[in-house]
Structures are given as C-alpha cells and as structure tokens.
Amino acid sequence: MRRNLALVITIGARFLRSQSRDLGAIATAFALPIVIAGAMGFADQYANSTLAIGVVTDPGAGPVAGQLVSALERSPALSVQRYGSVESLRREVRTGVVVAGVEIPANYDDDLLAGRSGAVRVFGQDETSASTAAQADILLSVLGNEALVSYAAEHRQPGETVEQATARLRDAAPEVSVRRVTAKKASAVGGVGRFTAGMIIFFVFVSALFHHGAALRDDRRRGVVARMGVTPNPAWVVVAGELAGRLVLVALQAVVGLGVGALLFGIRWGDPLAVFGVVFVFATASLAAGLLVGASGRPMTVPETQMRTAGIVTLAGMLGGCFWPLALGPAWLETVAHVTPHAWANDILNELLSTDAGVAQVWPQLVVLCGFAVVLFAAALLVFRRRVFR
C-alpha cells in the first residue's frame, strides 16, 4: 500500500512539473475568474443601487399613506415616480420603465390606525434581480412605516393625533428599526459575492476539462499514458496519481479565488469548513469528469479536445447557475439544473453567503456532491482499465 501511495505522489509530481513550463496559462486560470466576477458583480450591484419604481396612491388615502410615499422617496436605493392609475403603472412595469410598482389603497390609513396591517400591493417582474431587489427595499419601507405608526399611536402626546405623532417621531424614534435579514439561498440574488462564487465554480470545471482533461488526451496521443499502462501498477494508482497532481492546481485556483474575493471585494464566505469542503469536493468531481474526458475517445491534441468540450463546459456552467441565480428562473429549470454538480455547489455557497449556515446545515448537498465525485471517478477508472490497461 505504501508503494502505491508513493506512485500516486510520483505521478502527481510529474504532472505538476510538466505544468510549470506553462506559467502563463496557470496565471490566466487564476486571474480570469476574479476579473470576470468583479466586472459582473459590481455591474449588478450598480444596476441595483438606485432602482426606479412607480407609486399609485388612491385619492382617498390619508396623511399616513403620504408619509409612506415620502419614506419611499427618501430611500437611497429607490427612485420614485408617481402615477395616476394602476393600469398605467402596470404597463410601465411590463415595458421596463420601472422595475416594480406600489399601490397604496384608500383604506391604508384606516387599517393602520385600527391596528391592522395596511394592504399595500407590490408587483414587478419577479424573474429579474433588479425587480426582486426593489421589492425587498419597498417591503422594508412599508414595514418601517407600519412599525412607526404603531409606535406613534402608543407614544403620542395629549391632544396629538396619530398622524401628528408619526410626523413628529419619524426622525426621532430610535426604538423603531427594520433590518434586512436573508434567511434562505434564494435571497442571494446578485452582487459580487454571488458572481465570485459562480465564477470559481465555473472556472474550476473549465480547468478540469479544458486544461487537465485535454492534457491527458494529449498525453495519450504522445504515448505517455500507454507507458504507464504497461507497468505492473494497478489502474487506480495511475488514475489517482493523475487526479492528485491536477487537484493541487485546481484547489489552489479555488482557494486563491476565495482569498482574493475576501480581501479585494470584502466577501464574507461564511463557515470556513463548509466553504473549503464544498470547493474541495467540487474540484474533485470536476477533475474526475476531466479524467473521464481525457480517457475517453481517441487520442488528440489539446486544441482538438478543447473544441469538442467547449459546448459541455458552457452548457454545464449556464445550466448550473454560475451566471445567474437559479432561484430567479422557473421551478422546472431549477430542477433540471441539479443534474449538474455546479448547481449543488452554487446552492451551498449561496446559502453560506446568505445565512449563518455551516456544515450541519449543508451536509446533505455535500453528500450529493461527493456522490458526483465517486461516480465520475469510478467511470474514469473503468474507462482507463478498458482503454489503457488492456
């Protein structure tokens, strides 16, 4: 057993030595995910930083409704436009002039003053991250206004109406606060953190198939793997050695992405054990897929292999939610996406980004990822035995 482990290390070291001659490709693989994640993430945050919304107030609505509109207008995240009818506002939402609409009914004041929640209606195109972000900010303003009215009703001065107390206390009631609390992965709809996670996942898979899988096919073409096949070494030793050397580079690529994201973008990834666990398991599954690609088909050059795997790499990344949140798509697409390990890895990282979850909360998804790795490694081993160790 000790001899086999030594051979695994030797094969892995051989691969690392061969890769040291192509430092430019390695540097590109490390830098490209960070550059793309930063560009896409900051663009998403900028697009969602000031969101255009429309407001319709019923003519019968009272001063408390007017205070809600004022609260929306004071929000630094929203740009408010007033409309005369719900029909015109809905048309503007459909055409994208505004990303969300707010309808304040005539009984809004009466409901709040009677201690009931006001039936404010918020609508938008829920498939877009901008609309989702706007609706979240609108909800914060509505809840804050309702909390303030309730507070004013309890702390009004003698002879003072609730409306007057609300106006007086609006800027002087520190007891009233509303905080945004993300409670599930679907709440992580955009920003640098989500895009950095997606790009790390995507480029780990790209490296596994485009670079490492293609290099293995080229090794087969040049007879390197065939020479391993005529030795008395077990097939699993050769496969494990090829996996080990590649795993060092891919894991380092992912760790650098996590570190730069934390230091440069200020991303709080969450529980370190869970984060490194999902990255390591996904990297292993990706490399097993790369070994399967490298061992399958006829031997060919690196560019030939890359040309034939480009569609698989791109489709898996898009379907697996590396470029947009799966939660914003239809339910059937989210279900189909989970035939890829990308979707499971993105689910875990988004949950860790959005909540205080740790290994205890995400272990079922980690088990599924481990399943992907085991199945792909077993398939690669089977193909190696048939094609190389015949």
Protein backbone atom coordinates (compact mmCIF):
# COMPACT_ATOMS: atom_id res chain seq x y z
CA MET A 1 0.00 0.00 0.00
CA ARG A 2 2.84 2.38 0.87
CA ARG A 3 4.41 1.72 -2.53
CA ASN A 4 1.13 2.51 -4.28
CA LEU A 5 0.79 5.81 -2.42
CA ALA A 6 4.36 6.70 -3.36
CA LEU A 7 3.49 6.02 -7.01
CA VAL A 8 0.42 8.24 -6.75
CA ILE A 9 2.63 11.06 -5.47
CA THR A 10 5.21 10.42 -8.21
CA ILE A 11 2.61 10.57 -10.98
CA GLY A 12 1.09 13.71 -9.50
CA ALA A 13 4.51 15.36 -9.20
CA ARG A 14 5.28 14.51 -12.82
CA PHE A 15 2.14 16.34 -13.90
CA LEU A 16 2.97 19.39 -11.78
CA ARG A 17 6.48 19.55 -13.27
CA SER A 18 5.05 19.41 -16.77
CA GLN A 19 2.65 22.26 -15.97
CA SER A 20 5.37 24.50 -14.56
CA ARG A 21 6.50 25.18 -18.12
CA ASP A 22 3.21 26.93 -18.91
CA LEU A 23 3.04 29.58 -16.19
CA GLY A 24 1.15 31.97 -18.43
CA ALA A 25 -1.81 29.59 -18.73
CA ILE A 26 -1.77 28.99 -14.99
CA ALA A 27 -1.75 32.73 -14.25
CA THR A 28 -4.66 33.25 -16.65
CA ALA A 29 -6.64 30.47 -14.98
CA PHE A 30 -6.09 32.16 -11.61
CA ALA A 31 -6.79 35.74 -12.69
CA LEU A 32 -9.66 35.37 -15.17
CA PRO A 33 -12.36 34.25 -12.66
CA ILE A 34 -11.59 37.21 -10.40
CA VAL A 35 -11.68 39.75 -13.24
CA ILE A 36 -14.97 38.46 -14.64
CA ALA A 37 -16.58 38.08 -11.21
CA GLY A 38 -15.60 41.63 -10.25
CA ALA A 39 -16.89 43.11 -13.51
CA MET A 40 -20.21 41.24 -13.42
CA GLY A 41 -20.74 41.60 -9.68
CA PHE A 42 -20.07 45.32 -9.46
CA ALA A 43 -22.17 45.92 -12.58
CA ASP A 44 -25.06 44.02 -10.96
CA GLN A 45 -24.70 45.99 -7.72
CA TYR A 46 -24.50 49.30 -9.61
CA ALA A 47 -27.60 48.43 -11.66
CA ASN A 48 -29.48 47.63 -8.45
CA SER A 49 -28.12 50.56 -6.41
CA THR A 50 -30.82 53.08 -7.47
CA LEU A 51 -33.95 51.33 -8.71
CA ALA A 52 -36.81 53.11 -10.49
CA ILE A 53 -40.21 52.27 -9.01
CA GLY A 54 -43.71 53.63 -9.55
CA VAL A 55 -46.29 54.53 -6.89
CA VAL A 56 -50.06 54.90 -7.17
CA THR A 57 -51.92 56.42 -4.22
CA ASP A 58 -55.70 56.30 -4.06
CA PRO A 59 -57.22 59.82 -3.84
CA GLY A 60 -58.93 58.76 -0.61
CA ALA A 61 -55.73 57.78 1.13
CA GLY A 62 -54.80 59.91 4.12
CA PRO A 63 -51.67 61.52 5.53
CA VAL A 64 -50.13 58.26 6.75
CA ALA A 65 -50.18 56.99 3.15
CA GLY A 66 -48.45 60.21 2.14
CA GLN A 67 -45.81 59.59 4.78
CA LEU A 68 -45.19 56.14 3.30
CA VAL A 69 -44.63 57.67 -0.13
CA SER A 70 -42.22 60.16 1.46
CA ALA A 71 -40.37 57.29 3.13
CA LEU A 72 -40.02 55.56 -0.24
CA GLU A 73 -38.74 58.78 -1.81
CA ARG A 74 -36.14 59.17 0.93
CA SER A 75 -34.78 55.66 0.38
CA PRO A 76 -31.28 55.94 -1.16
CA ALA A 77 -31.90 52.71 -3.09
CA LEU A 78 -35.11 53.83 -4.83
CA SER A 79 -36.08 56.43 -7.40
CA VAL A 80 -39.84 57.05 -7.09
CA GLN A 81 -42.17 58.11 -9.89
CA ARG A 82 -45.86 58.80 -9.21
CA TYR A 83 -48.62 57.51 -11.47
CA GLY A 84 -52.30 58.34 -11.76
CA SER A 85 -53.63 54.82 -12.28
CA VAL A 86 -52.70 51.23 -11.60
CA GLU A 87 -53.18 50.36 -15.28
CA SER A 88 -50.59 52.89 -16.44
CA LEU A 89 -48.15 51.75 -13.74
CA ARG A 90 -48.53 48.09 -14.68
CA ARG A 91 -47.86 48.99 -18.31
CA GLU A 92 -44.66 50.78 -17.30
CA VAL A 93 -43.57 47.76 -15.26
CA ARG A 94 -44.19 45.44 -18.22
CA THR A 95 -42.16 47.64 -20.57
CA GLY A 96 -39.31 48.03 -18.07
CA VAL A 97 -39.63 51.79 -17.47
CA VAL A 98 -39.80 50.98 -13.76
CA VAL A 99 -38.76 47.71 -12.14
CA ALA A 100 -41.57 47.50 -9.58
CA GLY A 101 -44.87 49.15 -8.69
CA VAL A 102 -46.56 50.08 -5.39
CA GLU A 103 -50.33 50.52 -5.00
CA ILE A 104 -51.46 52.19 -1.74
CA PRO A 105 -55.24 51.67 -1.22
CA ALA A 106 -57.75 54.20 0.08
CA ASN A 107 -58.17 52.35 3.39
CA TYR A 108 -54.46 52.33 4.20
CA ASP A 109 -54.74 54.95 6.96
CA ASP A 110 -57.86 53.39 8.47
CA ASP A 111 -56.24 49.96 8.62
CA LEU A 112 -53.09 51.19 10.32
CA LEU A 113 -54.88 53.43 12.79
CA ALA A 114 -57.14 50.48 13.70
CA GLY A 115 -54.08 48.33 14.40
CA ARG A 116 -54.31 46.28 11.18
CA SER A 117 -51.56 45.86 8.60
CA GLY A 118 -52.12 48.05 5.54
CA ALA A 119 -52.84 46.12 2.35
CA VAL A 120 -50.14 47.69 0.19
CA ARG A 121 -49.74 45.85 -3.13
CA VAL A 122 -46.27 45.45 -4.64
CA PHE A 123 -45.77 43.97 -8.10
CA GLY A 124 -42.98 43.54 -10.63
CA GLN A 125 -41.23 41.11 -12.95
CA ASP A 126 -40.03 38.57 -10.43
CA GLU A 127 -37.63 36.92 -12.86
CA THR A 128 -35.24 39.89 -12.74
CA SER A 129 -32.79 40.58 -9.93
CA ALA A 130 -33.50 44.35 -10.12
CA SER A 131 -37.22 43.80 -9.52
CA THR A 132 -36.55 41.41 -6.65
CA ALA A 133 -34.14 43.88 -5.04
CA ALA A 134 -36.62 46.76 -5.46
CA GLN A 135 -39.47 44.78 -3.93
CA ALA A 136 -37.27 43.95 -0.95
CA ASP A 137 -36.47 47.65 -0.37
CA ILE A 138 -40.14 48.58 -0.79
CA LEU A 139 -41.12 45.98 1.78
CA LEU A 140 -38.58 47.42 4.24
CA SER A 141 -40.09 50.90 3.84
CA VAL A 142 -43.64 49.59 4.24
CA LEU A 143 -42.79 47.61 7.37
CA GLY A 144 -40.86 50.54 8.79
CA ASN A 145 -43.81 52.87 8.21
CA GLU A 146 -46.25 50.46 9.83
CA ALA A 147 -43.94 49.98 12.81
CA LEU A 148 -43.59 53.74 13.20
CA VAL A 149 -47.36 54.31 13.11
CA SER A 150 -47.84 51.65 15.76
CA TYR A 151 -45.12 53.26 17.88
CA ALA A 152 -46.64 56.74 17.43
CA ALA A 153 -50.08 55.50 18.49
CA GLU A 154 -48.60 54.33 21.80
CA HIS A 155 -46.39 57.40 22.45
CA ARG A 156 -48.46 60.34 21.21
CA GLN A 157 -48.74 63.39 23.41
CA PRO A 158 -52.05 64.66 24.91
CA GLY A 159 -54.25 66.15 22.18
CA GLU A 160 -51.97 64.88 19.44
CA THR A 161 -53.33 62.74 16.59
CA VAL A 162 -51.57 59.59 15.42
CA GLU A 163 -50.74 61.33 12.15
CA GLN A 164 -49.13 64.23 14.02
CA ALA A 165 -47.23 61.88 16.34
CA THR A 166 -45.99 59.89 13.36
CA ALA A 167 -44.67 63.03 11.67
CA ARG A 168 -43.00 64.19 14.93
CA LEU A 169 -41.39 60.83 15.67
CA ARG A 170 -40.30 59.92 12.14
CA ASP A 171 -36.77 61.17 12.67
CA ALA A 172 -36.68 60.83 16.46
CA ALA A 173 -37.70 57.27 17.30
CA PRO A 174 -34.57 55.15 17.64
CA GLU A 175 -36.61 52.35 19.14
CA VAL A 176 -38.12 51.64 15.72
CA SER A 177 -35.82 49.83 13.30
CA VAL A 178 -36.22 47.33 10.49
CA ARG A 179 -33.28 45.24 9.34
CA ARG A 180 -32.94 43.12 6.22
CA VAL A 181 -32.28 39.52 7.24
CA THR A 182 -31.54 36.99 4.49
CA ALA A 183 -32.95 33.64 5.51
CA LYS A 184 -32.51 31.33 2.53
CA LYS A 185 -30.34 30.87 -0.52
CA ALA A 186 -32.92 32.43 -2.83
CA SER A 187 -32.31 35.76 -1.14
CA ALA A 188 -28.78 35.94 -2.55
CA VAL A 189 -29.91 37.32 -5.92
CA GLY A 190 -26.81 39.16 -7.04
CA GLY A 191 -23.72 41.14 -6.20
CA VAL A 192 -20.02 40.44 -6.16
CA GLY A 193 -20.27 37.54 -3.69
CA ARG A 194 -22.70 35.50 -5.77
CA PHE A 195 -20.87 36.16 -9.03
CA THR A 196 -17.48 35.35 -7.49
CA ALA A 197 -18.85 32.05 -6.19
CA GLY A 198 -20.30 31.27 -9.63
CA MET A 199 -17.06 32.12 -11.43
CA ILE A 200 -14.97 30.00 -9.05
CA ILE A 201 -17.27 27.05 -9.70
CA PHE A 202 -17.31 27.66 -13.46
CA PHE A 203 -13.56 28.07 -13.92
CA VAL A 204 -12.70 25.10 -11.71
CA PHE A 205 -14.75 22.99 -14.13
CA VAL A 206 -13.22 24.79 -17.12
CA SER A 207 -9.72 24.00 -15.87
CA ALA A 208 -10.65 20.38 -15.19
CA LEU A 209 -12.00 19.70 -18.69
CA PHE A 210 -10.40 22.34 -20.91
CA HIS A 211 -6.90 22.16 -19.49
CA HIS A 212 -6.39 18.99 -17.50
CA GLY A 213 -8.71 16.67 -19.43
CA ALA A 214 -7.31 17.91 -22.72
CA ALA A 215 -3.73 17.49 -21.46
CA LEU A 216 -4.48 13.87 -20.57
CA ARG A 217 -5.75 13.13 -24.08
CA ASP A 218 -2.59 14.72 -25.43
CA ASP A 219 -0.53 12.52 -23.08
CA ARG A 220 -2.31 9.53 -24.58
CA ARG A 221 -1.52 10.79 -28.08
CA ARG A 222 2.18 11.13 -27.19
CA GLY A 223 2.28 7.67 -25.58
CA VAL A 224 2.89 8.87 -22.01
CA VAL A 225 -0.16 7.11 -20.60
CA ALA A 226 0.49 3.98 -22.64
CA ARG A 227 3.89 3.62 -20.99
CA MET A 228 2.15 3.75 -17.61
CA GLY A 229 -0.23 1.05 -18.79
CA VAL A 230 2.49 -1.49 -19.44
CA THR A 231 3.83 -1.21 -15.88
CA PRO A 232 2.58 -3.60 -13.16
CA ASN A 233 0.88 -0.71 -11.34
CA PRO A 234 -2.88 -1.03 -10.66
CA ALA A 235 -5.16 1.15 -12.77
CA TRP A 236 -6.48 3.01 -9.74
CA VAL A 237 -2.94 4.12 -8.84
CA VAL A 238 -2.46 5.76 -12.25
CA VAL A 239 -5.89 7.40 -12.14
CA ALA A 240 -5.37 8.60 -8.57
CA GLY A 241 -1.94 9.98 -9.47
CA GLU A 242 -3.32 11.87 -12.46
CA LEU A 243 -6.11 13.20 -10.22
CA ALA A 244 -3.77 14.19 -7.37
CA GLY A 245 -1.47 16.41 -9.42
CA ARG A 246 -4.38 18.18 -11.07
CA LEU A 247 -6.22 18.54 -7.77
CA VAL A 248 -3.34 20.56 -6.32
CA LEU A 249 -3.60 23.16 -9.10
CA VAL A 250 -7.39 23.33 -9.20
CA ALA A 251 -7.76 23.52 -5.41
CA LEU A 252 -5.14 26.28 -5.31
CA GLN A 253 -7.03 28.11 -8.05
CA ALA A 254 -10.25 27.96 -6.00
CA VAL A 255 -8.52 28.99 -2.75
CA VAL A 256 -6.93 31.99 -4.45
CA GLY A 257 -10.36 32.97 -5.76
CA LEU A 258 -11.85 32.74 -2.28
CA GLY A 259 -8.97 34.71 -0.76
CA VAL A 260 -8.99 37.49 -3.35
CA GLY A 261 -12.78 37.72 -3.05
CA ALA A 262 -12.48 38.18 0.71
CA LEU A 263 -9.55 40.62 0.62
CA LEU A 264 -10.35 42.63 -2.50
CA PHE A 265 -14.15 42.54 -2.57
CA GLY A 266 -14.83 42.16 1.16
CA ILE A 267 -16.85 38.97 0.69
CA ARG A 268 -17.80 37.10 3.85
CA TRP A 269 -17.92 33.50 2.69
CA GLY A 270 -19.23 32.04 5.94
CA ASP A 271 -18.22 28.87 7.77
CA PRO A 272 -14.64 28.10 6.55
CA LEU A 273 -15.00 24.34 6.99
CA ALA A 274 -18.15 24.25 4.86
CA VAL A 275 -16.69 26.60 2.23
CA PHE A 276 -13.46 24.64 1.80
CA GLY A 277 -15.41 21.39 1.94
CA VAL A 278 -17.67 22.27 -0.99
CA VAL A 279 -14.77 23.69 -3.01
CA PHE A 280 -12.61 20.60 -2.46
CA VAL A 281 -15.41 18.14 -3.24
CA PHE A 282 -16.50 20.06 -6.34
CA ALA A 283 -12.89 20.28 -7.54
CA THR A 284 -12.55 16.51 -7.11
CA ALA A 285 -15.78 15.85 -9.01
CA SER A 286 -14.71 18.23 -11.79
CA LEU A 287 -11.30 16.61 -12.14
CA ALA A 288 -12.88 13.16 -12.20
CA ALA A 289 -15.00 14.43 -15.10
CA GLY A 290 -11.83 15.77 -16.72
CA LEU A 291 -10.11 12.39 -16.34
CA LEU A 292 -13.17 10.73 -17.87
CA VAL A 293 -12.96 13.08 -20.86
CA GLY A 294 -9.20 12.53 -21.11
CA ALA A 295 -9.55 8.75 -21.07
CA SER A 296 -12.50 8.62 -23.47
CA GLY A 297 -12.46 8.80 -27.23
CA ARG A 298 -9.45 8.75 -29.48
CA PRO A 299 -6.19 10.48 -28.50
CA MET A 300 -5.93 14.02 -29.86
CA THR A 301 -4.19 17.34 -29.33
CA VAL A 302 -5.18 19.82 -26.63
CA PRO A 303 -6.91 22.28 -29.05
CA GLU A 304 -8.91 19.44 -30.62
CA THR A 305 -10.17 18.28 -27.23
CA GLN A 306 -11.00 21.82 -26.15
CA MET A 307 -13.01 22.40 -29.30
CA ARG A 308 -15.06 19.28 -28.63
CA THR A 309 -15.69 20.01 -24.95
CA ALA A 310 -16.45 23.74 -25.21
CA GLY A 311 -20.19 23.12 -25.51
CA ILE A 312 -20.28 20.82 -22.46
CA VAL A 313 -18.35 23.30 -20.32
CA THR A 314 -20.51 26.27 -21.31
CA LEU A 315 -23.83 24.44 -21.02
CA ALA A 316 -22.98 23.00 -17.59
CA GLY A 317 -21.96 26.45 -16.29
CA MET A 318 -25.07 28.18 -17.61
CA LEU A 319 -27.45 25.42 -16.51
CA GLY A 320 -25.76 25.11 -13.12
CA GLY A 321 -26.38 28.74 -12.12
CA CYS A 322 -22.83 30.10 -12.44
CA PHE A 323 -24.00 33.19 -14.37
CA TRP A 324 -27.37 33.92 -12.74
CA PRO A 325 -29.28 32.79 -9.63
CA LEU A 326 -31.32 29.64 -10.22
CA ALA A 327 -33.94 30.98 -7.80
CA LEU A 328 -34.91 33.64 -10.35
CA GLY A 329 -35.77 31.07 -13.03
CA PRO A 330 -38.79 28.76 -13.37
CA ALA A 331 -39.08 25.85 -10.97
CA TRP A 332 -38.66 23.23 -13.69
CA LEU A 333 -35.35 24.76 -14.81
CA GLU A 334 -34.06 24.75 -11.23
CA THR A 335 -34.95 21.06 -11.00
CA VAL A 336 -33.23 20.21 -14.29
CA ALA A 337 -30.15 22.25 -13.28
CA HIS A 338 -29.44 19.85 -10.45
CA VAL A 339 -28.32 17.15 -12.85
CA THR A 340 -25.05 19.12 -12.77
CA PRO A 341 -22.69 19.31 -9.77
CA HIS A 342 -22.46 23.07 -10.46
CA ALA A 343 -26.00 23.66 -9.19
CA TRP A 344 -25.34 21.82 -5.93
CA ALA A 345 -22.08 23.68 -5.35
CA ASN A 346 -23.69 27.05 -6.11
CA ASP A 347 -26.59 26.23 -3.79
CA ILE A 348 -24.19 25.58 -0.92
CA LEU A 349 -22.01 28.65 -1.49
CA ASN A 350 -25.05 30.93 -1.88
CA GLU A 351 -26.54 29.56 1.34
CA LEU A 352 -23.26 30.12 3.17
CA LEU A 353 -23.09 33.66 1.76
CA SER A 354 -26.70 34.48 2.70
CA THR A 355 -27.11 32.87 6.10
CA ASP A 356 -25.22 31.66 9.15
CA ALA A 357 -25.37 28.07 7.88
CA GLY A 358 -22.49 25.68 8.48
CA VAL A 359 -21.63 22.06 7.75
CA ALA A 360 -24.58 20.88 9.87
CA GLN A 361 -27.00 22.68 7.52
CA VAL A 362 -25.41 21.93 4.14
CA TRP A 363 -24.18 18.35 4.65
CA PRO A 364 -26.99 16.80 2.52
CA GLN A 365 -25.85 18.84 -0.52
CA LEU A 366 -22.23 17.96 0.25
CA VAL A 367 -23.17 14.28 0.26
CA VAL A 368 -24.72 14.68 -3.20
CA LEU A 369 -21.53 16.38 -4.44
CA CYS A 370 -19.50 13.51 -3.02
CA GLY A 371 -21.77 11.17 -4.97
CA PHE A 372 -20.93 13.02 -8.18
CA ALA A 373 -17.21 12.69 -7.40
CA VAL A 374 -17.43 8.96 -6.63
CA VAL A 375 -19.49 8.13 -9.73
CA LEU A 376 -17.28 10.17 -12.07
CA PHE A 377 -14.07 8.73 -10.57
CA ALA A 378 -15.44 5.20 -10.93
CA ALA A 379 -16.39 5.90 -14.56
CA ALA A 380 -12.91 7.32 -15.28
CA LEU A 381 -11.30 4.26 -13.67
CA LEU A 382 -13.47 1.92 -15.74
CA VAL A 383 -12.58 3.70 -18.99
CA PHE A 384 -8.86 3.70 -18.06
CA ARG A 385 -8.93 -0.03 -17.49
CA ARG A 386 -10.59 -0.70 -20.83
CA ARG A 387 -8.57 1.72 -22.97
CA VAL A 388 -5.15 1.90 -21.28
CA PHE A 389 -4.73 -1.29 -19.25
CA ARG A 390 -5.98 -3.72 -21.88
